[in-house]
């Protein structure tokens, strides 16, 4: 569960900070970043890489992207766009 949160929050922040990057692109970026992290852990750190961790991290990226899309969809329009 912690892996999901640890990936969801950064993906949400990055997707919000760089609005010119298509939202859908953050999901494969999160999956690839998670894979790279797990490979580094297995190769260079005294930890084992785990398929379950990779899946949880990827799910976190999905939750982050979905959260941004939902927040954007239901965000009220600025006052200038209402008139």
N, C-alpha and C. Protein backbone atom coordinates (compact mmCIF):
# COMPACT_ATOMS: atom_id res chain seq x y z
N UNK A 1 0.82 -1.19 0.00
CA UNK A 1 0.00 0.00 0.00
C UNK A 1 0.87 1.26 0.00
N UNK A 2 1.95 1.20 0.74
CA UNK A 2 2.83 2.36 0.80
C UNK A 2 3.46 2.64 -0.57
N UNK A 3 3.78 1.59 -1.31
CA UNK A 3 4.35 1.78 -2.65
C UNK A 3 3.37 2.52 -3.56
N UNK A 4 2.09 2.23 -3.43
CA UNK A 4 1.08 2.91 -4.25
C UNK A 4 1.10 4.41 -3.94
N UNK A 5 1.09 4.74 -2.68
CA UNK A 5 1.08 6.16 -2.27
C UNK A 5 2.39 6.84 -2.68
N UNK A 6 3.51 6.14 -2.51
CA UNK A 6 4.80 6.73 -2.83
C UNK A 6 4.99 6.98 -4.33
N UNK A 7 4.20 6.34 -5.16
CA UNK A 7 4.25 6.64 -6.59
C UNK A 7 3.12 7.57 -7.02
N UNK A 8 1.96 7.47 -6.38
CA UNK A 8 0.81 8.29 -6.77
C UNK A 8 1.10 9.77 -6.55
N UNK A 9 1.64 10.12 -5.41
CA UNK A 9 1.86 11.53 -5.08
C UNK A 9 2.87 12.19 -6.03
N UNK A 10 4.05 11.61 -6.26
CA UNK A 10 4.97 12.25 -7.21
C UNK A 10 4.41 12.35 -8.63
N UNK A 11 3.69 11.32 -9.08
CA UNK A 11 3.10 11.39 -10.42
C UNK A 11 2.08 12.53 -10.49
N UNK A 12 1.27 12.67 -9.43
CA UNK A 12 0.31 13.78 -9.40
C UNK A 12 1.03 15.12 -9.46
N UNK A 13 2.07 15.27 -8.66
CA UNK A 13 2.81 16.53 -8.63
C UNK A 13 3.48 16.83 -9.96
N UNK A 14 4.13 15.83 -10.53
CA UNK A 14 4.82 16.04 -11.81
C UNK A 14 3.83 16.35 -12.94
N UNK A 15 2.72 15.64 -12.97
CA UNK A 15 1.73 15.88 -14.02
C UNK A 15 1.12 17.27 -13.88
N UNK A 16 1.01 17.76 -12.66
CA UNK A 16 0.48 19.10 -12.44
C UNK A 16 1.52 20.16 -12.76
N UNK A 17 2.78 19.87 -12.46
CA UNK A 17 3.85 20.84 -12.71
C UNK A 17 4.14 21.01 -14.20
N UNK A 18 3.96 19.95 -14.98
CA UNK A 18 4.22 20.00 -16.41
C UNK A 18 2.95 19.69 -17.20
N UNK A 19 2.05 20.68 -17.29
CA UNK A 19 0.77 20.43 -17.97
C UNK A 19 0.89 20.22 -19.47
N UNK A 20 2.02 20.61 -20.06
CA UNK A 20 2.19 20.42 -21.51
C UNK A 20 2.49 18.97 -21.88
N UNK A 21 2.88 18.16 -20.91
CA UNK A 21 3.10 16.73 -21.16
C UNK A 21 1.73 16.04 -21.12
N UNK A 22 1.39 15.26 -22.14
CA UNK A 22 0.08 14.59 -22.13
C UNK A 22 -0.09 13.73 -20.88
N UNK A 23 -1.28 13.80 -20.31
CA UNK A 23 -1.54 13.08 -19.06
C UNK A 23 -1.32 11.57 -19.19
N UNK A 24 -1.71 11.01 -20.32
CA UNK A 24 -1.58 9.57 -20.50
C UNK A 24 -0.12 9.12 -20.47
N UNK A 25 0.81 10.02 -20.81
CA UNK A 25 2.22 9.66 -20.88
C UNK A 25 2.83 9.41 -19.50
N UNK A 26 2.21 9.97 -18.45
CA UNK A 26 2.76 9.78 -17.11
C UNK A 26 2.63 8.34 -16.63
N UNK A 27 1.65 7.61 -17.14
CA UNK A 27 1.51 6.21 -16.72
C UNK A 27 2.67 5.35 -17.20
N UNK A 28 2.99 5.33 -18.51
CA UNK A 28 4.15 4.52 -18.91
C UNK A 28 5.46 5.03 -18.32
N UNK A 29 5.57 6.33 -18.10
CA UNK A 29 6.78 6.86 -17.45
C UNK A 29 6.90 6.31 -16.02
N UNK A 30 5.78 6.25 -15.32
CA UNK A 30 5.78 5.70 -13.97
C UNK A 30 6.12 4.22 -13.95
N UNK A 31 5.59 3.48 -14.92
CA UNK A 31 5.86 2.04 -15.00
C UNK A 31 7.35 1.80 -15.29
N UNK A 32 7.90 2.56 -16.22
CA UNK A 32 9.32 2.40 -16.56
C UNK A 32 10.21 2.84 -15.38
N UNK A 33 9.85 3.94 -14.73
CA UNK A 33 10.62 4.40 -13.57
C UNK A 33 10.60 3.34 -12.47
N UNK A 34 9.45 2.74 -12.24
CA UNK A 34 9.32 1.69 -11.24
C UNK A 34 10.20 0.49 -11.59
N UNK A 35 10.17 0.10 -12.85
CA UNK A 35 11.01 -1.03 -13.30
C UNK A 35 12.48 -0.72 -13.06
N UNK A 36 12.91 0.48 -13.42
CA UNK A 36 14.32 0.87 -13.23
C UNK A 36 14.70 0.86 -11.75
N UNK A 37 13.82 1.36 -10.90
CA UNK A 37 14.09 1.36 -9.46
C UNK A 37 14.25 -0.06 -8.94
N UNK A 38 13.37 -0.95 -9.35
CA UNK A 38 13.46 -2.34 -8.90
C UNK A 38 14.73 -3.01 -9.42
N UNK A 39 15.14 -2.71 -10.64
CA UNK A 39 16.36 -3.31 -11.18
C UNK A 39 17.59 -2.78 -10.43
N UNK A 40 17.62 -1.50 -10.12
CA UNK A 40 18.75 -0.94 -9.35
C UNK A 40 18.79 -1.55 -7.97
N UNK A 41 17.62 -1.71 -7.34
CA UNK A 41 17.60 -2.34 -6.02
C UNK A 41 18.17 -3.75 -6.08
N UNK A 42 17.78 -4.50 -7.08
CA UNK A 42 18.26 -5.88 -7.19
C UNK A 42 19.73 -5.99 -7.54
N UNK A 43 20.23 -5.03 -8.32
CA UNK A 43 21.61 -5.13 -8.80
C UNK A 43 22.64 -4.48 -7.88
N UNK A 44 22.28 -3.35 -7.26
CA UNK A 44 23.30 -2.57 -6.56
C UNK A 44 23.06 -2.38 -5.07
N UNK A 45 21.88 -2.67 -4.58
CA UNK A 45 21.59 -2.46 -3.17
C UNK A 45 21.41 -3.80 -2.47
N UNK A 46 21.63 -3.81 -1.18
CA UNK A 46 21.45 -5.07 -0.46
C UNK A 46 19.97 -5.38 -0.21
N UNK A 47 19.17 -5.26 -1.25
CA UNK A 47 17.74 -5.56 -1.20
C UNK A 47 17.41 -6.43 -2.39
N UNK A 48 16.28 -7.05 -2.34
CA UNK A 48 15.84 -7.83 -3.48
C UNK A 48 14.78 -7.05 -4.24
N UNK A 49 14.80 -7.17 -5.54
CA UNK A 49 13.75 -6.55 -6.33
C UNK A 49 12.53 -7.47 -6.29
N UNK A 50 11.37 -6.89 -6.43
CA UNK A 50 10.16 -7.68 -6.28
C UNK A 50 9.16 -7.33 -7.37
N UNK A 51 8.59 -8.34 -7.98
CA UNK A 51 7.54 -8.13 -8.98
C UNK A 51 6.33 -7.47 -8.34
N UNK A 52 6.02 -7.85 -7.11
CA UNK A 52 4.89 -7.26 -6.41
C UNK A 52 5.11 -5.76 -6.16
N UNK A 53 6.33 -5.37 -5.81
CA UNK A 53 6.65 -3.95 -5.63
C UNK A 53 6.49 -3.20 -6.95
N UNK A 54 6.95 -3.80 -8.02
CA UNK A 54 6.84 -3.16 -9.34
C UNK A 54 5.37 -2.94 -9.71
N UNK A 55 4.55 -3.95 -9.46
CA UNK A 55 3.12 -3.84 -9.75
C UNK A 55 2.49 -2.77 -8.87
N UNK A 56 2.84 -2.74 -7.58
CA UNK A 56 2.28 -1.73 -6.67
C UNK A 56 2.71 -0.32 -7.08
N UNK A 57 3.96 -0.16 -7.46
CA UNK A 57 4.43 1.15 -7.93
C UNK A 57 3.69 1.57 -9.19
N UNK A 58 3.51 0.64 -10.10
CA UNK A 58 2.79 0.93 -11.35
C UNK A 58 1.34 1.29 -11.06
N UNK A 59 0.73 0.60 -10.12
CA UNK A 59 -0.63 0.94 -9.71
C UNK A 59 -0.67 2.34 -9.11
N UNK A 60 0.37 2.70 -8.38
CA UNK A 60 0.47 4.06 -7.83
C UNK A 60 0.53 5.10 -8.93
N UNK A 61 1.27 4.81 -9.98
CA UNK A 61 1.32 5.74 -11.12
C UNK A 61 -0.07 5.88 -11.75
N UNK A 62 -0.77 4.77 -11.87
CA UNK A 62 -2.13 4.81 -12.41
C UNK A 62 -3.06 5.63 -11.52
N UNK A 63 -2.95 5.45 -10.22
CA UNK A 63 -3.77 6.22 -9.28
C UNK A 63 -3.43 7.71 -9.39
N UNK A 64 -2.16 8.03 -9.52
CA UNK A 64 -1.75 9.43 -9.66
C UNK A 64 -2.31 10.08 -10.91
N UNK A 65 -2.21 9.39 -12.04
CA UNK A 65 -2.73 9.93 -13.30
C UNK A 65 -4.25 10.05 -13.22
N UNK A 66 -4.92 9.04 -12.71
CA UNK A 66 -6.38 9.09 -12.60
C UNK A 66 -6.82 10.21 -11.67
N UNK A 67 -6.09 10.44 -10.60
CA UNK A 67 -6.44 11.53 -9.68
C UNK A 67 -6.34 12.88 -10.35
N UNK A 68 -5.28 13.08 -11.11
CA UNK A 68 -5.12 14.35 -11.82
C UNK A 68 -6.24 14.54 -12.83
N UNK A 69 -6.56 13.50 -13.58
CA UNK A 69 -7.64 13.61 -14.57
C UNK A 69 -8.97 13.90 -13.91
N UNK A 70 -9.25 13.25 -12.78
CA UNK A 70 -10.51 13.50 -12.07
C UNK A 70 -10.56 14.91 -11.50
N UNK A 71 -9.46 15.35 -10.92
CA UNK A 71 -9.42 16.71 -10.36
C UNK A 71 -9.59 17.75 -11.45
N UNK A 72 -8.99 17.54 -12.60
CA UNK A 72 -9.13 18.48 -13.71
C UNK A 72 -10.55 18.48 -14.25
N UNK A 73 -11.16 17.32 -14.27
CA UNK A 73 -12.51 17.23 -14.82
C UNK A 73 -13.53 17.95 -13.96
N UNK A 74 -13.38 17.86 -12.66
CA UNK A 74 -14.36 18.43 -11.74
C UNK A 74 -13.94 19.76 -11.13
N UNK A 75 -12.83 20.29 -11.59
CA UNK A 75 -12.37 21.58 -11.09
C UNK A 75 -13.29 22.67 -11.63
N UNK A 76 -13.71 23.61 -10.77
CA UNK A 76 -14.56 24.69 -11.28
C UNK A 76 -13.79 25.60 -12.23
N UNK A 77 -14.49 26.12 -13.21
CA UNK A 77 -13.85 27.01 -14.18
C UNK A 77 -13.48 28.32 -13.51
N UNK A 78 -12.36 28.93 -13.92
CA UNK A 78 -12.02 30.26 -13.39
C UNK A 78 -13.11 31.28 -13.74
N UNK A 79 -13.18 32.32 -12.94
CA UNK A 79 -14.24 33.33 -13.10
C UNK A 79 -14.23 33.96 -14.50
N UNK A 80 -13.06 34.14 -15.09
CA UNK A 80 -12.96 34.77 -16.41
C UNK A 80 -13.63 33.91 -17.49
N UNK A 81 -13.62 32.60 -17.32
CA UNK A 81 -14.21 31.71 -18.33
C UNK A 81 -15.71 31.56 -18.16
N UNK A 82 -16.26 31.98 -17.03
CA UNK A 82 -17.69 31.83 -16.78
C UNK A 82 -18.53 32.84 -17.53
N UNK A 83 -17.97 34.01 -17.80
CA UNK A 83 -18.79 35.04 -18.46
C UNK A 83 -18.78 34.93 -19.97
